């Protein structure tokens, strides 16, 4: 990383001061990486690439970190990589060792005591290491439950549980996390009934966000950002959200763009040609979201 590049921690702090949020976009392929990187470069804003356990296994754990590092250094672009939804200490240590900029241990389905204990171990391990950019690694914890599938769903996930500000205060104090992902009316995925139905189901509680922010004094992360609605996302940011995750909308855009491309030119066999429209479809979604998150 070049000497004038700020760390992800610094960009998050700057976002809080400016009343905006950093966009976090999950990808599964190199097309997704470039779609996000190019969109952020066009708008001149920092961005985070997210890869879940399945996504980073598909790309390659160390390979994903190396690709983002190379883009950051070659372009002098503030682009960072986060190990999204990691479910064990072993897999947390894997991405820390690989040089990721951030990692979230998702113990949302665990009893509170177990979630605290394992999250604390993740923090302790990360504190002993540095990311590929030479900076300290941010550790995010998750409290409350919002489902686990970034897909088009038939119904709202079962067992959704909102985060208590009291529990959040204890969780933050005992684990030492850098960021917290609370459940505040959000959930992963989109509803197959459409965007209107999804928006009606995802009722973001801005007051709860504000209470959790005040109780923890931590940057808060909004997961399940697909289909939230621009106005609700802006209210969430004003209430204390510093990072917003988007995945399902990108997956839908990619698939739609690819199907259209293959339908319009069924004889094309060059992947870099028939996959380009899919990449551009993702890029358009990222640009729109980044404009909202950065209050443009």
Foldseek 3Di string as FASTA:
>chain_A
DDPPQDAPLVLLVVLLVLLFAAEEEEDQDVLQVCLLQVLCVVVVHAHEYEYEPVSCVNCPLLNVLVVQVVCCVVVVHRYFYEHEADAALVVLLVNLVSFHQEYEHEPAVPPLVVQLVRLLVSVVSQQVGHGPVRHRHAYEYEYFAADDDQEAAQDGDPPGGFGDLVSLLVSCVRRVGQEYETRFQAHHYHYPVDLVVRCVRRDGDLVRLLSNCVSRVHAYEYERQPSNDLVSVSSNSNSHHHYYYDYNVLVVLLVVQLVVLCVVPVPDDDCVVSNNSSSNSSSVVSNVVNCSRSVD
